Amino acid sequence: MPETFTYTTEDVERHYNASLDSVTLVNELVAQDTRTEEEEDCLRRNVEHLQLMLAKDWWTTEDLAPLQASVAAGLPLLPTE
């Protein structure tokens, strides 16, 4: 039987802060009129990171609204393949 991992308060805080860094990047890229291919890739990676973080079940009292808003703003701007 696999062991379950318990996140400490510090672990959750570290993940939350990293997510807020992604929020900042997404919001900056969304605000631009145009994006380079490299910036589009950065936008995609950070939106995907936020989606993964939002799916976690170990959040406690953190405000996830900024993460959700950045995903909602960034998803429509991602190039379709």
Protein backbone atom coordinates (compact mmCIF):
# COMPACT_ATOMS: atom_id res chain seq x y z
CA MET A 1 0.00 0.00 0.00
CA PRO A 2 1.51 3.39 -0.97
CA GLU A 3 2.27 5.87 1.75
CA THR A 4 0.34 9.11 1.73
CA PHE A 5 2.24 12.36 1.87
CA THR A 6 1.06 15.05 4.23
CA TYR A 7 1.86 18.61 3.26
CA THR A 8 3.07 20.86 6.03
CA THR A 9 1.90 24.43 6.40
CA GLU A 10 5.26 25.48 4.98
CA ASP A 11 4.81 23.20 1.94
CA VAL A 12 1.40 24.67 1.20
CA GLU A 13 2.73 28.21 1.63
CA ARG A 14 5.62 27.47 -0.75
CA HIS A 15 3.22 26.12 -3.40
CA TYR A 16 0.88 29.06 -2.92
CA ASN A 17 3.71 31.58 -3.33
CA ALA A 18 4.90 29.80 -6.48
CA SER A 19 1.35 29.92 -7.79
CA LEU A 20 1.17 33.65 -7.12
CA ASP A 21 4.39 34.05 -9.13
CA SER A 22 2.59 32.31 -12.01
CA VAL A 23 -0.40 34.61 -11.52
CA THR A 24 1.89 37.62 -11.90
CA LEU A 25 3.45 36.25 -15.08
CA VAL A 26 0.09 35.32 -16.61
CA ASN A 27 -1.40 38.70 -15.80
CA GLU A 28 1.58 40.53 -17.30
CA LEU A 29 1.39 38.48 -20.49
CA VAL A 30 -2.39 38.83 -20.76
CA ALA A 31 -2.01 42.62 -20.54
CA GLN A 32 0.25 42.70 -23.61
CA ASP A 33 -1.29 43.42 -27.00
CA THR A 34 0.95 40.85 -28.69
CA ARG A 35 3.19 38.04 -27.49
CA THR A 36 6.25 36.39 -28.97
CA GLU A 37 6.34 32.63 -29.40
CA GLU A 38 8.48 32.41 -26.28
CA GLU A 39 5.97 34.51 -24.32
CA GLU A 40 3.09 32.33 -25.56
CA ASP A 41 4.98 29.27 -24.33
CA CYS A 42 5.53 30.97 -20.97
CA LEU A 43 1.83 31.81 -20.79
CA ARG A 44 0.87 28.21 -21.58
CA ARG A 45 3.25 26.75 -18.99
CA ASN A 46 2.04 29.10 -16.26
CA VAL A 47 -1.66 28.60 -17.02
CA GLU A 48 -1.08 24.83 -16.93
CA HIS A 49 0.78 25.19 -13.64
CA LEU A 50 -2.14 27.12 -12.15
CA GLN A 51 -4.62 24.53 -13.40
CA LEU A 52 -2.59 21.79 -11.72
CA MET A 53 -2.37 23.76 -8.50
CA LEU A 54 -6.11 24.46 -8.47
CA ALA A 55 -6.77 20.73 -8.71
CA LYS A 56 -4.91 20.03 -5.46
CA ASP A 57 -6.97 19.03 -2.44
CA TRP A 58 -4.61 20.21 0.25
CA TRP A 59 -5.39 23.92 0.18
CA THR A 60 -6.65 25.29 3.48
CA THR A 61 -7.53 28.99 3.82
CA GLU A 62 -5.56 30.32 0.83
CA ASP A 63 -7.39 32.68 -1.52
CA LEU A 64 -7.51 30.78 -4.81
CA ALA A 65 -9.49 33.49 -6.63
CA PRO A 66 -6.36 35.10 -8.18
CA LEU A 67 -5.30 31.70 -9.54
CA GLN A 68 -8.75 31.07 -10.99
CA ALA A 69 -8.92 34.55 -12.53
CA SER A 70 -5.52 34.16 -14.20
CA VAL A 71 -6.49 30.81 -15.69
CA ALA A 72 -9.76 32.31 -16.98
CA ALA A 73 -7.87 35.24 -18.53
CA GLY A 74 -5.01 33.22 -19.97
CA LEU A 75 -6.78 30.18 -21.43
CA PRO A 76 -8.50 32.03 -24.30
CA LEU A 77 -5.16 33.48 -25.37
CA LEU A 78 -3.37 30.17 -25.71
CA PRO A 79 -2.67 29.13 -29.28
CA THR A 80 -4.62 26.09 -30.42
CA GLU A 81 -2.73 23.31 -32.06
